[in-house]
Amino acid sequence: MKKPSYKSALILYSAMFVFSTLIIIVGVILMLGIITSNDPNGNKVKSNWPLEYTNNFAEYIDLSADTPFVTQDGILSLNNNRLWLQILDGSGYQVYAHNTASTQPNHYAPIDFLALYQIGGKPGGTVCAGTVKSSAGQWTYVIGFPMDIEKVTMYLNGESFTGGRSIIIMLMSSAVLIMLVSGAIFSVWIIRHMRKMTQAIGQISYRLYEPIKNNGPFGEIYGSLNDMSRELLASDEALACNEAMREEWITNITHDLKTPLSPIKGYAELLADPAYPIPDESRIQYARTILKNTEYAEKLVNDLKLTYQLKNNMLPLDRKQGNLVRFLREAVIEILNHPAYSGRIILFDSELDEIIFCFDETLLTRALNNLIFNALLHNPKNTEVHISLHENEHITIAVDDNGKGMSTEEAEKLFKRYYRGTNTEAGTEGTGLGMAISQQVIELHGGNITVKSELGKGTCIEITLPRIN
């Protein structure tokens, strides 16, 4: 199964973060669009800039004479901003003008001033007014701006409202409402997927799960569930196979132990019965049979112990550098010197006189002897066994024979701990564990062992070892 990650959670969090950020950005843009505008020169200013400009323009009006007029700095400011100005007396008549059009009125009635304050001027322009006082009286000045600024009149409770609280509250309420609705939709979406995943986990536990295809934010989670389901089904299959093999293994162990124990028990009962006279010659034969089967049982127990130790890495390797060519040659000579195999044909050849490898001599001897003995025991006496050794990218040891060969099924089971109920009357060499032990020893040395066989044409077992240890 894939290692769990936080990719899905990150995608969900990022989606919510982006969505919330977009809401905030839209709100800010709307706010900026409402409270900002462009002055006559195209500069971005607050929407209340005309009012502020008008209030501050009083400093440019000179009241030292009987009739007020605008200073040079004021005229420059009006020209730079492309504004027009009128100064009116207390009766609303114009006493000073700058940049006004010919259609501009020279007199304003009280109702006209009310319209200016309430509406702000005509469409396409904004008019703001201010007042100045002198010893000669009060004067009103009107400034026209080529900007369309709307004045919004609101009637609110003055005791509870200050500034733009209502606008802020309205915008915040809208944002909260949008987030609540989106959160509810998101929660329903999350709950639906969580329910789907919960059901999937339950189906996996009962082995009823069907793979789910999903490429969305939860795609990685569904992919992990698919992988977990496949691994559990494969594990169940492997467990069933192992259970069958274990039962077969126990059955064969029982059979193999019963095989030597039966004659041991039978002959021991005869020897222990005082009422049964046994000639000396028969007594010696019985004792030899008991000894033979005892040795076989002991060898079987030792092989079981060894394969268990090798499987669980409980047997330390005593690896030393040595010459594999010399090692294999001496192993072949020792087998040929054995009385049971002195007449057999075992050939050995190597391309090199020296191939250095770091190995445990005792265990590797056991592994190679098992391979060679297997070729000798299960083939006719005229079978040739050819052992070759060469080195290129790897060190390769091949054990070939031209004997009976094996079927594909037998070759696949060759290195399994498989008991075939060896007949001890035919010899005590085999326990059914030798080939499994050979494979374990080779793998402990970092190598690999394979078998190729064909019925009627012989068998080739090839060992591959790494050159560098």
Protein backbone atom coordinates (compact mmCIF):
# COMPACT_ATOMS: atom_id res chain seq x y z
CA MET A 1 0.00 0.00 0.00
CA LYS A 2 1.13 3.50 -0.64
CA LYS A 3 2.39 5.50 2.24
CA PRO A 4 -0.24 7.91 3.49
CA SER A 5 0.25 11.56 2.66
CA TYR A 6 -1.48 14.91 3.31
CA LYS A 7 -2.02 15.75 -0.35
CA SER A 8 -5.82 15.44 -0.19
CA ALA A 9 -6.06 17.50 2.98
CA LEU A 10 -3.77 20.11 1.44
CA ILE A 11 -5.95 20.30 -1.69
CA LEU A 12 -9.11 20.74 0.39
CA TYR A 13 -7.51 23.35 2.60
CA SER A 14 -6.12 25.19 -0.42
CA ALA A 15 -9.53 25.16 -2.10
CA MET A 16 -11.20 26.66 0.97
CA PHE A 17 -8.38 29.17 1.38
CA VAL A 18 -8.60 30.26 -2.25
CA PHE A 19 -12.39 30.49 -2.05
CA SER A 20 -12.30 32.60 1.12
CA THR A 21 -9.54 34.76 -0.35
CA LEU A 22 -11.61 35.35 -3.48
CA ILE A 23 -14.57 36.45 -1.37
CA ILE A 24 -12.36 38.89 0.52
CA ILE A 25 -10.78 40.19 -2.70
CA VAL A 26 -14.21 40.69 -4.30
CA GLY A 27 -15.37 42.54 -1.18
CA VAL A 28 -12.29 44.73 -1.17
CA ILE A 29 -12.68 45.47 -4.89
CA LEU A 30 -16.32 46.41 -4.37
CA MET A 31 -15.40 48.62 -1.46
CA LEU A 32 -12.60 50.28 -3.40
CA GLY A 33 -14.89 50.75 -6.36
CA ILE A 34 -17.42 52.50 -4.14
CA ILE A 35 -15.13 54.71 -2.07
CA THR A 36 -12.57 55.61 -4.76
CA SER A 37 -12.69 57.56 -8.02
CA ASN A 38 -10.40 59.25 -10.56
CA ASP A 39 -9.68 62.96 -10.32
CA PRO A 40 -9.71 65.12 -13.52
CA ASN A 41 -6.03 64.20 -14.10
CA GLY A 42 -6.74 60.46 -13.87
CA ASN A 43 -5.22 59.95 -10.41
CA LYS A 44 -6.93 57.55 -8.02
CA VAL A 45 -8.49 59.50 -5.12
CA LYS A 46 -11.16 58.98 -2.50
CA SER A 47 -14.72 59.65 -3.61
CA ASN A 48 -14.98 62.49 -1.06
CA TRP A 49 -12.03 64.31 -2.65
CA PRO A 50 -14.24 67.09 -4.17
CA LEU A 51 -15.67 67.86 -0.73
CA GLU A 52 -12.24 67.90 0.91
CA TYR A 53 -10.81 70.04 -1.89
CA THR A 54 -13.67 72.52 -1.56
CA ASN A 55 -13.28 72.76 2.24
CA ASN A 56 -9.55 73.33 1.92
CA PHE A 57 -9.90 75.87 -0.92
CA ALA A 58 -10.90 78.64 1.52
CA GLU A 59 -7.22 79.38 2.13
CA TYR A 60 -6.85 80.51 -1.49
CA ILE A 61 -9.59 83.19 -1.22
CA ASP A 62 -8.32 86.68 -0.37
CA LEU A 63 -10.80 88.68 1.74
CA SER A 64 -8.66 91.78 2.24
CA ALA A 65 -10.69 93.88 -0.22
CA ASP A 66 -14.38 94.68 -0.32
CA THR A 67 -14.89 91.97 -2.93
CA PRO A 68 -13.16 88.58 -2.43
CA PHE A 69 -10.89 87.13 -5.13
CA VAL A 70 -8.71 84.00 -5.64
CA THR A 71 -4.95 84.08 -5.21
CA GLN A 72 -2.53 83.01 -7.92
CA ASP A 73 -1.89 79.67 -6.15
CA GLY A 74 -5.63 79.05 -6.09
CA ILE A 75 -6.01 79.86 -9.77
CA LEU A 76 -3.08 77.53 -10.56
CA SER A 77 -4.71 74.74 -8.54
CA LEU A 78 -8.05 75.27 -10.31
CA ASN A 79 -6.37 75.19 -13.71
CA ASN A 80 -4.30 72.09 -12.90
CA ASN A 81 -7.44 70.23 -11.86
CA ARG A 82 -9.60 71.72 -14.64
CA LEU A 83 -12.16 73.11 -12.19
CA TRP A 84 -14.45 76.13 -12.34
CA LEU A 85 -15.31 78.45 -9.44
CA GLN A 86 -17.90 81.08 -8.54
CA ILE A 87 -17.96 83.35 -5.49
CA LEU A 88 -21.44 84.57 -4.47
CA ASP A 89 -22.59 87.26 -2.10
CA GLY A 90 -25.19 86.87 0.59
CA SER A 91 -28.00 87.29 -1.94
CA GLY A 92 -26.66 84.56 -4.23
CA TYR A 93 -25.27 86.84 -6.94
CA GLN A 94 -21.92 86.14 -8.57
CA VAL A 95 -19.11 88.56 -7.58
CA TYR A 96 -16.16 86.49 -8.89
CA ALA A 97 -15.82 83.65 -11.44
CA HIS A 98 -13.08 81.54 -12.97
CA ASN A 99 -13.30 78.99 -15.83
CA THR A 100 -17.11 79.18 -15.82
CA ALA A 101 -19.08 78.42 -18.93
CA SER A 102 -21.37 80.97 -20.60
CA THR A 103 -24.35 78.83 -19.59
CA GLN A 104 -23.43 78.92 -15.93
CA PRO A 105 -26.04 80.88 -13.88
CA ASN A 106 -24.95 84.17 -12.26
CA HIS A 107 -27.48 83.93 -9.47
CA TYR A 108 -28.50 81.06 -7.15
CA ALA A 109 -31.75 81.01 -5.28
CA PRO A 110 -32.02 79.22 -1.91
CA ILE A 111 -33.68 76.25 -3.63
CA ASP A 112 -30.66 75.95 -5.93
CA PHE A 113 -28.28 75.72 -2.96
CA LEU A 114 -30.51 73.02 -1.45
CA ALA A 115 -30.26 71.02 -4.66
CA LEU A 116 -26.48 71.37 -4.66
CA TYR A 117 -26.25 69.96 -1.15
CA GLN A 118 -28.73 67.17 -1.71
CA ILE A 119 -27.90 66.09 -5.27
CA GLY A 120 -24.40 67.43 -5.85
CA GLY A 121 -24.96 68.96 -9.27
CA LYS A 122 -26.06 67.78 -12.67
CA PRO A 123 -25.16 64.38 -14.28
CA GLY A 124 -21.56 64.22 -15.50
CA GLY A 125 -20.38 66.79 -12.97
CA THR A 126 -20.24 67.40 -9.26
CA VAL A 127 -20.65 70.78 -7.54
CA CYS A 128 -19.51 71.47 -3.99
CA ALA A 129 -19.93 74.70 -2.01
CA GLY A 130 -18.18 76.33 0.91
CA THR A 131 -18.38 79.60 2.88
CA VAL A 132 -15.91 82.24 4.07
CA LYS A 133 -16.48 85.25 6.33
CA SER A 134 -14.95 88.69 6.45
CA SER A 135 -15.77 92.01 8.05
CA ALA A 136 -17.75 92.87 4.93
CA GLY A 137 -20.03 89.85 5.29
CA GLN A 138 -20.35 86.13 4.43
CA TRP A 139 -19.50 84.79 1.00
CA THR A 140 -20.30 81.49 -0.66
CA TYR A 141 -18.01 79.84 -3.19
CA VAL A 142 -19.05 77.09 -5.56
CA ILE A 143 -16.53 74.74 -7.28
CA GLY A 144 -17.47 72.52 -10.20
CA PHE A 145 -15.74 69.16 -10.69
CA PRO A 146 -15.91 67.13 -13.95
CA MET A 147 -16.60 63.98 -11.90
CA ASP A 148 -19.79 61.99 -11.36
CA ILE A 149 -19.92 61.57 -7.58
CA GLU A 150 -23.24 60.43 -6.12
CA LYS A 151 -24.36 61.67 -2.75
CA VAL A 152 -26.21 59.00 -0.71
CA THR A 153 -28.58 60.25 1.93
CA MET A 154 -29.38 57.84 4.76
CA TYR A 155 -31.64 58.44 7.78
CA LEU A 156 -30.20 56.57 10.75
CA ASN A 157 -30.40 56.55 14.51
CA GLY A 158 -27.78 59.09 15.47
CA GLU A 159 -27.40 57.62 18.95
CA SER A 160 -26.17 54.26 17.67
CA PHE A 161 -24.61 55.13 14.30
CA THR A 162 -21.23 56.71 13.84
CA GLY A 163 -19.27 56.85 10.59
CA GLY A 164 -19.85 54.07 8.06
CA ARG A 165 -20.84 51.38 10.50
CA SER A 166 -23.92 50.37 8.54
CA ILE A 167 -21.95 49.83 5.35
CA ILE A 168 -19.35 47.77 7.16
CA ILE A 169 -22.03 45.73 8.92
CA MET A 170 -23.81 45.13 5.62
CA LEU A 171 -20.64 44.00 3.88
CA MET A 172 -19.59 41.79 6.80
CA SER A 173 -23.06 40.27 7.00
CA SER A 174 -22.95 39.48 3.29
CA ALA A 175 -19.49 37.91 3.61
CA VAL A 176 -20.58 35.82 6.62
CA LEU A 177 -23.72 34.70 4.80
CA ILE A 178 -21.75 33.69 1.75
CA MET A 179 -19.24 31.78 3.88
CA LEU A 180 -22.02 30.05 5.85
CA VAL A 181 -23.74 28.91 2.65
CA SER A 182 -20.48 27.79 1.06
CA GLY A 183 -19.46 26.09 4.32
CA ALA A 184 -22.76 24.21 4.43
CA ILE A 185 -22.33 23.06 0.83
CA PHE A 186 -18.74 22.05 1.54
CA SER A 187 -19.78 20.16 4.70
CA VAL A 188 -22.43 18.20 2.79
CA TRP A 189 -19.83 17.35 0.15
CA ILE A 190 -17.31 16.25 2.79
CA ILE A 191 -19.91 14.18 4.70
CA ARG A 192 -20.94 12.41 1.48
CA HIS A 193 -17.34 11.42 0.72
CA MET A 194 -16.68 10.43 4.36
CA ARG A 195 -19.75 8.18 4.32
CA LYS A 196 -18.54 6.68 1.05
CA MET A 197 -15.09 6.02 2.52
CA THR A 198 -16.57 4.54 5.72
CA GLN A 199 -18.70 2.16 3.68
CA ALA A 200 -15.67 1.26 1.58
CA ILE A 201 -13.63 0.39 4.69
CA GLY A 202 -16.46 -1.80 5.97
CA GLN A 203 -16.67 -3.54 2.60
CA ILE A 204 -12.91 -4.14 2.65
CA SER A 205 -13.17 -5.83 6.05
CA TYR A 206 -15.78 -8.22 4.64
CA ARG A 207 -13.90 -8.60 1.33
CA LEU A 208 -16.85 -7.12 -0.59
CA TYR A 209 -15.09 -3.97 -1.79
CA GLU A 210 -15.30 -2.88 -5.40
CA PRO A 211 -12.50 -0.55 -6.63
CA ILE A 212 -13.54 3.11 -6.86
CA LYS A 213 -12.34 5.38 -9.66
CA ASN A 214 -12.04 8.97 -8.50
CA ASN A 215 -9.68 11.68 -9.72
CA GLY A 216 -10.91 14.44 -7.39
CA PRO A 217 -9.34 15.70 -4.14
CA PHE A 218 -10.02 12.29 -2.55
CA GLY A 219 -8.52 10.37 -5.46
CA GLU A 220 -5.37 9.49 -3.51
CA ILE A 221 -7.43 8.16 -0.57
CA TYR A 222 -9.58 6.03 -2.84
CA GLY A 223 -6.43 4.84 -4.59
CA SER A 224 -5.01 3.78 -1.21
CA LEU A 225 -8.24 1.94 -0.40
CA ASN A 226 -8.04 0.16 -3.76
CA ASP A 227 -4.44 -0.82 -3.03
CA MET A 228 -5.34 -2.00 0.48
CA SER A 229 -8.17 -4.14 -0.87
CA ARG A 230 -5.87 -5.72 -3.48
CA GLU A 231 -3.18 -6.38 -0.87
CA LEU A 232 -5.68 -7.93 1.57
CA LEU A 233 -7.07 -10.21 -1.14
CA ALA A 234 -3.54 -11.18 -2.16
CA SER A 235 -2.66 -11.73 1.51
CA ASP A 236 -5.74 -13.92 1.98
CA GLU A 237 -4.77 -15.95 -1.05
CA ALA A 238 -1.17 -16.28 0.16
CA LEU A 239 -2.41 -17.19 3.66
CA ALA A 240 -4.67 -19.90 2.26
CA CYS A 241 -1.80 -21.21 0.15
CA ASN A 242 0.56 -21.14 3.14
CA GLU A 243 -2.03 -22.86 5.30
CA ALA A 244 -2.38 -25.63 2.71
CA MET A 245 1.40 -25.92 2.48
CA ARG A 246 1.69 -25.95 6.29
CA GLU A 247 -0.81 -28.75 6.57
CA GLU A 248 1.00 -30.63 3.83
CA TRP A 249 4.31 -29.88 5.56
CA ILE A 250 3.07 -31.22 8.91
CA THR A 251 1.63 -34.28 7.19
CA ASN A 252 4.96 -35.00 5.50
CA ILE A 253 6.95 -34.38 8.72
CA THR A 254 4.67 -36.85 10.49
CA HIS A 255 5.13 -39.35 7.67
CA ASP A 256 8.90 -38.88 7.55
CA LEU A 257 9.26 -39.32 11.31
CA LYS A 258 6.99 -42.33 11.37
CA THR A 259 9.05 -43.99 8.63
CA PRO A 260 12.20 -44.48 10.77
CA LEU A 261 10.31 -44.81 14.06
CA SER A 262 8.26 -47.82 12.91
CA PRO A 263 11.23 -50.21 12.34
CA ILE A 264 13.00 -48.79 15.41
CA LYS A 265 10.00 -49.54 17.59
CA GLY A 266 9.38 -52.97 16.00
CA TYR A 267 12.94 -54.25 16.28
CA ALA A 268 13.34 -52.74 19.76
CA GLU A 269 10.25 -54.67 20.96
CA LEU A 270 11.72 -57.90 19.56
CA LEU A 271 15.05 -57.27 21.28
CA ALA A 272 13.31 -56.39 24.56
CA ASP A 273 11.10 -59.53 24.60
CA PRO A 274 12.84 -62.20 26.74
CA ALA A 275 10.44 -64.87 25.52
CA TYR A 276 11.60 -64.43 21.95
CA PRO A 277 14.97 -66.10 21.25
CA ILE A 278 17.04 -64.08 18.74
CA PRO A 279 20.12 -65.50 17.06
CA ASP A 280 23.22 -63.36 17.22
CA GLU A 281 23.19 -62.78 13.47
CA SER A 282 19.58 -61.48 13.58
CA ARG A 283 20.33 -59.36 16.65
CA ILE A 284 23.16 -57.65 14.76
CA GLN A 285 20.90 -57.06 11.74
CA TYR A 286 18.15 -55.61 13.95
CA ALA A 287 20.62 -53.32 15.67
CA ARG A 288 21.98 -52.09 12.34
CA THR A 289 18.45 -51.33 11.11
CA ILE A 290 17.68 -49.45 14.32
CA LEU A 291 20.94 -47.48 14.00
CA LYS A 292 20.27 -46.70 10.34
CA ASN A 293 16.79 -45.35 11.03
CA THR A 294 17.97 -43.47 14.10
CA GLU A 295 20.59 -41.71 11.99
CA TYR A 296 17.93 -40.83 9.43
CA ALA A 297 15.61 -39.40 12.13
CA GLU A 298 18.51 -37.43 13.58
CA LYS A 299 19.40 -36.06 10.15
CA LEU A 300 15.76 -35.06 9.55
CA VAL A 301 15.62 -33.19 12.86
CA ASN A 302 18.92 -31.46 12.12
CA ASP A 303 17.69 -30.40 8.68
CA LEU A 304 14.50 -29.03 10.17
CA LYS A 305 16.51 -27.07 12.71
CA LEU A 306 18.89 -25.75 10.02
CA THR A 307 16.14 -24.60 7.65
CA TYR A 308 14.39 -22.86 10.54
CA GLN A 309 17.61 -21.08 11.53
CA LEU A 310 18.32 -20.04 7.95
CA LYS A 311 14.78 -18.79 7.41
CA ASN A 312 14.86 -16.60 10.54
CA ASN A 313 18.49 -15.41 10.14
CA MET A 314 19.47 -17.14 13.38
CA LEU A 315 22.59 -18.73 11.96
CA PRO A 316 25.59 -16.37 11.71
CA LEU A 317 27.71 -16.67 8.57
CA ASP A 318 31.40 -17.37 8.99
CA ARG A 319 32.46 -15.88 5.65
CA LYS A 320 36.07 -15.95 4.56
CA GLN A 321 37.72 -15.25 1.23
CA GLY A 322 38.61 -18.33 -0.74
CA ASN A 323 39.18 -19.73 -4.21
CA LEU A 324 35.88 -21.08 -5.56
CA VAL A 325 37.64 -23.09 -8.28
CA ARG A 326 39.66 -25.05 -5.76
CA PHE A 327 36.67 -25.33 -3.41
CA LEU A 328 34.41 -26.89 -6.09
CA ARG A 329 37.12 -29.22 -7.39
CA GLU A 330 37.75 -30.59 -3.89
CA ALA A 331 34.00 -30.99 -3.31
CA VAL A 332 33.68 -33.10 -6.48
CA ILE A 333 36.69 -35.23 -5.55
CA GLU A 334 35.28 -35.86 -2.06
CA ILE A 335 31.96 -37.03 -3.51
CA LEU A 336 33.69 -39.35 -5.99
CA ASN A 337 35.71 -40.83 -3.12
CA HIS A 338 32.48 -41.78 -1.36
CA PRO A 339 31.90 -45.55 -1.78
CA ALA A 340 28.28 -45.02 -2.86
CA TYR A 341 29.28 -42.69 -5.73
CA SER A 342 32.72 -43.87 -6.73
CA GLY A 343 31.40 -45.32 -9.99
CA ARG A 344 29.35 -42.27 -11.01
CA ILE A 345 30.33 -39.73 -13.68
CA ILE A 346 30.91 -36.21 -12.33
CA LEU A 347 32.70 -33.70 -14.56
CA PHE A 348 34.09 -30.32 -13.52
CA ASP A 349 35.50 -27.46 -15.58
CA SER A 350 36.32 -23.82 -15.05
CA GLU A 351 37.53 -21.11 -17.41
CA LEU A 352 39.81 -19.70 -14.69
CA ASP A 353 42.17 -21.23 -12.17
CA GLU A 354 41.18 -18.77 -9.47
CA ILE A 355 37.91 -17.00 -8.63
CA ILE A 356 37.99 -15.28 -5.26
CA PHE A 357 34.76 -15.13 -3.28
CA CYS A 358 33.88 -14.51 0.36
CA PHE A 359 31.79 -17.45 1.62
CA ASP A 360 30.94 -19.72 4.55
CA GLU A 361 32.71 -22.94 3.58
CA THR A 362 30.58 -25.25 5.74
CA LEU A 363 27.22 -23.93 4.53
CA LEU A 364 28.23 -23.61 0.89
CA THR A 365 29.57 -27.19 0.96
CA ARG A 366 26.21 -28.33 2.33
CA ALA A 367 24.34 -26.43 -0.39
CA LEU A 368 26.43 -27.75 -3.30
CA ASN A 369 26.45 -31.32 -1.97
CA ASN A 370 22.65 -31.23 -1.78
CA LEU A 371 22.46 -30.19 -5.44
CA ILE A 372 24.94 -32.83 -6.61
CA PHE A 373 23.45 -35.61 -4.46
CA ASN A 374 19.99 -34.73 -5.76
CA ALA A 375 21.21 -35.19 -9.33
CA LEU A 376 22.84 -38.54 -8.44
CA LEU A 377 20.05 -40.01 -6.31
CA HIS A 378 17.14 -39.32 -8.64
CA ASN A 379 18.74 -40.38 -11.92
CA PRO A 380 20.06 -43.64 -13.40
CA LYS A 381 23.62 -44.68 -12.55
CA ASN A 382 24.87 -43.87 -16.07
CA THR A 383 23.74 -40.21 -15.73
CA GLU A 384 26.49 -37.65 -16.23
CA VAL A 385 26.63 -34.68 -13.85
CA HIS A 386 28.50 -31.68 -15.23
CA ILE A 387 29.60 -28.88 -12.89
CA SER A 388 30.88 -25.67 -14.49
CA LEU A 389 32.17 -22.41 -13.06
CA HIS A 390 32.78 -19.14 -14.87
CA GLU A 391 32.95 -15.42 -14.11
CA ASN A 392 31.75 -12.41 -16.12
CA GLU A 393 29.37 -9.85 -14.66
CA HIS A 394 28.55 -12.41 -11.99
CA ILE A 395 29.97 -15.65 -10.70
CA THR A 396 27.96 -18.54 -12.16
CA ILE A 397 27.94 -22.14 -10.94
CA ALA A 398 25.93 -24.60 -13.06
CA VAL A 399 25.02 -28.20 -12.11
CA ASP A 400 23.79 -30.02 -15.26
CA ASP A 401 22.72 -33.61 -15.71
CA ASN A 402 21.38 -35.61 -18.64
CA GLY A 403 19.02 -37.65 -16.49
CA LYS A 404 15.25 -38.08 -16.34
CA GLY A 405 14.41 -34.41 -15.95
CA MET A 406 11.34 -32.99 -14.23
CA SER A 407 7.94 -31.66 -15.14
CA THR A 408 7.21 -27.93 -14.86
CA GLU A 409 5.22 -28.49 -11.67
CA GLU A 410 8.04 -30.48 -10.06
CA ALA A 411 10.59 -27.81 -11.04
CA GLU A 412 8.44 -25.07 -9.46
CA LYS A 413 8.30 -27.00 -6.17
CA LEU A 414 11.95 -28.09 -6.17
CA PHE A 415 13.11 -25.49 -3.64
CA LYS A 416 10.09 -25.62 -1.36
CA ARG A 417 10.19 -27.40 1.98
CA TYR A 418 8.24 -30.24 0.48
CA TYR A 419 8.30 -33.75 1.93
CA ARG A 420 7.81 -36.55 -0.53
CA GLY A 421 8.07 -39.32 2.05
CA THR A 422 11.56 -40.54 1.22
CA ASN A 423 11.81 -44.29 1.47
CA THR A 424 14.51 -44.96 4.04
CA GLU A 425 14.94 -48.47 2.77
CA ALA A 426 16.37 -47.00 -0.41
CA GLY A 427 18.85 -44.81 1.42
CA THR A 428 18.96 -42.28 4.21
CA GLU A 429 20.47 -39.42 2.24
CA GLY A 430 17.27 -37.50 1.48
CA THR A 431 14.98 -35.68 3.92
CA GLY A 432 13.09 -33.52 1.46
CA LEU A 433 14.68 -30.37 2.88
CA GLY A 434 18.01 -30.40 1.07
CA MET A 435 17.01 -28.23 -1.90
CA ALA A 436 15.27 -25.67 0.31
CA ILE A 437 18.40 -25.47 2.47
CA SER A 438 20.54 -24.97 -0.66
CA GLN A 439 18.38 -22.05 -1.79
CA GLN A 440 18.51 -20.42 1.64
CA VAL A 441 22.29 -20.73 1.82
CA ILE A 442 22.76 -19.24 -1.65
CA GLU A 443 20.46 -16.32 -0.83
CA LEU A 444 22.35 -15.68 2.42
CA HIS A 445 25.45 -15.22 0.25
CA GLY A 446 23.62 -12.60 -1.82
CA GLY A 447 23.03 -14.97 -4.73
CA ASN A 448 20.17 -16.50 -6.65
CA ILE A 449 19.38 -20.06 -7.70
CA THR A 450 17.19 -21.17 -10.62
CA VAL A 451 16.25 -24.47 -12.23
CA LYS A 452 15.52 -25.48 -15.83
CA SER A 453 14.38 -28.98 -16.59
CA GLU A 454 12.64 -30.99 -19.28
CA LEU A 455 11.38 -34.53 -19.02
CA GLY A 456 13.72 -36.99 -20.68
CA LYS A 457 16.44 -34.35 -21.29
CA GLY A 458 17.84 -33.62 -17.86
CA THR A 459 18.05 -30.74 -15.43
CA CYS A 460 20.19 -27.63 -15.09
CA ILE A 461 20.48 -25.79 -11.77
CA GLU A 462 22.25 -22.42 -12.01
CA ILE A 463 23.66 -20.43 -9.11
CA THR A 464 24.45 -16.73 -9.59
CA LEU A 465 26.69 -15.00 -7.04
CA PRO A 466 27.80 -11.36 -6.93
CA ARG A 467 31.39 -10.64 -7.84
CA ILE A 468 31.89 -8.03 -5.12
CA ASN A 469 31.00 -8.98 -1.56
